[in-house]
Amino acid sequence: MTYIEELRGVISRLHGVEASHVESVPVKEVFRGETVWEGNVEVFNLHGHPKAPRVYAWSHDTDDPKQPRKHVTVLHIPPVLSATMAVRAAIVQEFKSREQTKQA
């Protein structure tokens, strides 16, 4: 199974629709002079999704032996209208999730 096929399967499971790969977009997100994320974001057209025509997807390795690889998908819904904005939205969501875990 290729990386694109793997992501297509994740999109199908999470969003309940088929997806076709459009392009790979290199993204480098820098915050206060430090690179916080760098990699390729895969762009897919969605077929039959009620709210979004596209989805941005990628995966990355984790330090968690129970889940060594994490897949990320972000729907193309305003304000997320590009691969760069999808990465920013995912970073913000991950930060919020970590803060909630610390407070719990």
C-alpha atoms as a PDB file:
ATOM      1  CA  MET A   1       0.000   0.000   0.000  1.00  0.00           C
ATOM      2  CA  THR A   2       1.384   3.408  -0.942  1.00  0.00           C
ATOM      3  CA  TYR A   3       1.378   6.445   1.338  1.00  0.00           C
ATOM      4  CA  ILE A   4      -1.363   8.072  -0.771  1.00  0.00           C
ATOM      5  CA  GLU A   5      -3.499   4.911  -0.581  1.00  0.00           C
ATOM      6  CA  GLU A   6      -2.964   4.824   3.185  1.00  0.00           C
ATOM      7  CA  LEU A   7      -4.158   8.427   3.531  1.00  0.00           C
ATOM      8  CA  ARG A   8      -7.098   7.767   1.193  1.00  0.00           C
ATOM      9  CA  GLY A   9      -8.165   4.917   3.490  1.00  0.00           C
ATOM     10  CA  VAL A  10      -7.913   7.128   6.573  1.00  0.00           C
ATOM     11  CA  ILE A  11     -10.014   9.810   4.846  1.00  0.00           C
ATOM     12  CA  SER A  12     -12.640   7.220   3.913  1.00  0.00           C
ATOM     13  CA  ARG A  13     -12.835   5.895   7.495  1.00  0.00           C
ATOM     14  CA  LEU A  14     -12.931   9.328   9.153  1.00  0.00           C
ATOM     15  CA  HIS A  15     -15.120  11.243   6.722  1.00  0.00           C
ATOM     16  CA  GLY A  16     -17.182   8.499   5.067  1.00  0.00           C
ATOM     17  CA  VAL A  17     -16.457   9.519   1.468  1.00  0.00           C
ATOM     18  CA  GLU A  18     -14.054   8.615  -1.308  1.00  0.00           C
ATOM     19  CA  ALA A  19     -11.152  10.909  -2.126  1.00  0.00           C
ATOM     20  CA  SER A  20      -8.884  11.444  -5.107  1.00  0.00           C
ATOM     21  CA  HIS A  21      -5.363  12.789  -4.759  1.00  0.00           C
ATOM     22  CA  VAL A  22      -4.761  16.197  -6.352  1.00  0.00           C
ATOM     23  CA  GLU A  23      -1.272  17.279  -5.335  1.00  0.00           C
ATOM     24  CA  SER A  24       1.479  17.316  -2.725  1.00  0.00           C
ATOM     25  CA  VAL A  25       2.209  20.728  -1.215  1.00  0.00           C
ATOM     26  CA  PRO A  26       5.431  21.378   0.727  1.00  0.00           C
ATOM     27  CA  VAL A  27       4.719  23.369   3.903  1.00  0.00           C
ATOM     28  CA  LYS A  28       7.132  24.843   6.410  1.00  0.00           C
ATOM     29  CA  GLU A  29       5.569  26.477   9.462  1.00  0.00           C
ATOM     30  CA  VAL A  30       7.835  28.763  11.484  1.00  0.00           C
ATOM     31  CA  PHE A  31       6.965  30.321  14.850  1.00  0.00           C
ATOM     32  CA  ARG A  32       9.297  32.824  16.522  1.00  0.00           C
ATOM     33  CA  GLY A  33      12.117  31.843  14.207  1.00  0.00           C
ATOM     34  CA  GLU A  34      11.789  28.114  14.952  1.00  0.00           C
ATOM     35  CA  THR A  35      10.488  25.530  12.497  1.00  0.00           C
ATOM     36  CA  VAL A  36       7.525  23.886  14.235  1.00  0.00           C
ATOM     37  CA  TRP A  37       6.434  21.712  11.311  1.00  0.00           C
ATOM     38  CA  GLU A  38       7.858  20.846   7.915  1.00  0.00           C
ATOM     39  CA  GLY A  39       6.654  18.315   5.403  1.00  0.00           C
ATOM     40  CA  ASN A  40       4.333  17.570   2.517  1.00  0.00           C
ATOM     41  CA  VAL A  41       0.599  18.013   2.839  1.00  0.00           C
ATOM     42  CA  GLU A  42      -1.422  15.809   0.517  1.00  0.00           C
ATOM     43  CA  VAL A  43      -4.459  17.480  -1.046  1.00  0.00           C
ATOM     44  CA  PHE A  44      -7.468  15.345  -1.951  1.00  0.00           C
ATOM     45  CA  ASN A  45     -10.776  16.158  -3.633  1.00  0.00           C
ATOM     46  CA  LEU A  46     -13.707  14.701  -1.716  1.00  0.00           C
ATOM     47  CA  HIS A  47     -16.579  12.997  -3.528  1.00  0.00           C
ATOM     48  CA  GLY A  48     -19.950  13.528  -1.875  1.00  0.00           C
ATOM     49  CA  HIS A  49     -18.917  15.218   1.371  1.00  0.00           C
ATOM     50  CA  PRO A  50     -21.772  17.453   2.612  1.00  0.00           C
ATOM     51  CA  LYS A  51     -19.565  20.357   3.764  1.00  0.00           C
ATOM     52  CA  ALA A  52     -16.133  20.244   2.144  1.00  0.00           C
ATOM     53  CA  PRO A  53     -14.893  19.854  -1.435  1.00  0.00           C
ATOM     54  CA  ARG A  54     -11.348  18.989  -0.304  1.00  0.00           C
ATOM     55  CA  VAL A  55      -9.317  17.627   2.569  1.00  0.00           C
ATOM     56  CA  TYR A  56      -5.676  18.096   3.550  1.00  0.00           C
ATOM     57  CA  ALA A  57      -3.911  15.045   4.968  1.00  0.00           C
ATOM     58  CA  TRP A  58      -0.530  13.916   6.261  1.00  0.00           C
ATOM     59  CA  SER A  59       0.975  11.625   8.843  1.00  0.00           C
ATOM     60  CA  HIS A  60       3.879  11.816  11.240  1.00  0.00           C
ATOM     61  CA  ASP A  61       5.731   9.586  13.652  1.00  0.00           C
ATOM     62  CA  THR A  62       5.001   9.884  17.369  1.00  0.00           C
ATOM     63  CA  ASP A  63       6.809   8.956  20.575  1.00  0.00           C
ATOM     64  CA  ASP A  64       3.865   6.772  21.607  1.00  0.00           C
ATOM     65  CA  PRO A  65       4.630   3.039  21.157  1.00  0.00           C
ATOM     66  CA  LYS A  66       0.860   2.305  21.182  1.00  0.00           C
ATOM     67  CA  GLN A  67       0.333   4.672  18.236  1.00  0.00           C
ATOM     68  CA  PRO A  68       3.716   5.110  16.514  1.00  0.00           C
ATOM     69  CA  ARG A  69       2.162   6.936  13.539  1.00  0.00           C
ATOM     70  CA  LYS A  70      -0.508   9.630  13.620  1.00  0.00           C
ATOM     71  CA  HIS A  71      -2.655  10.587  10.639  1.00  0.00           C
ATOM     72  CA  VAL A  72      -4.004  14.113  10.380  1.00  0.00           C
ATOM     73  CA  THR A  73      -6.879  15.265   8.170  1.00  0.00           C
ATOM     74  CA  VAL A  74      -8.245  18.792   7.991  1.00  0.00           C
ATOM     75  CA  LEU A  75     -11.320  19.630   5.939  1.00  0.00           C
ATOM     76  CA  HIS A  76     -11.261  22.531   3.452  1.00  0.00           C
ATOM     77  CA  ILE A  77     -13.814  24.666   5.330  1.00  0.00           C
ATOM     78  CA  PRO A  78     -13.224  28.386   6.034  1.00  0.00           C
ATOM     79  CA  PRO A  79     -10.960  29.617   7.478  1.00  0.00           C
ATOM     80  CA  VAL A  80      -8.940  26.597   6.304  1.00  0.00           C
ATOM     81  CA  LEU A  81      -8.556  27.215   2.576  1.00  0.00           C
ATOM     82  CA  SER A  82      -4.980  26.023   1.949  1.00  0.00           C
ATOM     83  CA  ALA A  83      -2.449  23.406   2.958  1.00  0.00           C
ATOM     84  CA  THR A  84      -0.608  25.974   5.093  1.00  0.00           C
ATOM     85  CA  MET A  85      -3.782  26.918   6.945  1.00  0.00           C
ATOM     86  CA  ALA A  86      -4.543  23.219   7.503  1.00  0.00           C
ATOM     87  CA  VAL A  87      -1.159  22.749   9.188  1.00  0.00           C
ATOM     88  CA  ARG A  88      -1.722  25.834  11.360  1.00  0.00           C
ATOM     89  CA  ALA A  89      -5.183  24.611  12.373  1.00  0.00           C
ATOM     90  CA  ALA A  90      -3.788  21.183  13.288  1.00  0.00           C
ATOM     91  CA  ILE A  91      -0.999  22.739  15.374  1.00  0.00           C
ATOM     92  CA  VAL A  92      -3.500  24.905  17.266  1.00  0.00           C
ATOM     93  CA  GLN A  93      -5.796  21.910  17.864  1.00  0.00           C
ATOM     94  CA  GLU A  94      -2.923  19.764  19.137  1.00  0.00           C
ATOM     95  CA  PHE A  95      -1.799  22.552  21.483  1.00  0.00           C
ATOM     96  CA  LYS A  96      -5.358  22.932  22.854  1.00  0.00           C
ATOM     97  CA  SER A  97      -5.635  19.161  23.362  1.00  0.00           C
ATOM     98  CA  ARG A  98      -2.365  19.083  25.306  1.00  0.00           C
ATOM     99  CA  GLU A  99      -3.505  21.979  27.496  1.00  0.00           C
ATOM    100  CA  GLN A 100      -6.813  20.233  28.268  1.00  0.00           C
ATOM    101  CA  THR A 101      -4.941  17.029  29.147  1.00  0.00           C
ATOM    102  CA  LYS A 102      -2.697  18.950  31.548  1.00  0.00           C
ATOM    103  CA  GLN A 103      -5.705  20.558  33.248  1.00  0.00           C
ATOM    104  CA  ALA A 104      -7.604  17.297  33.649  1.00  0.00           C
END
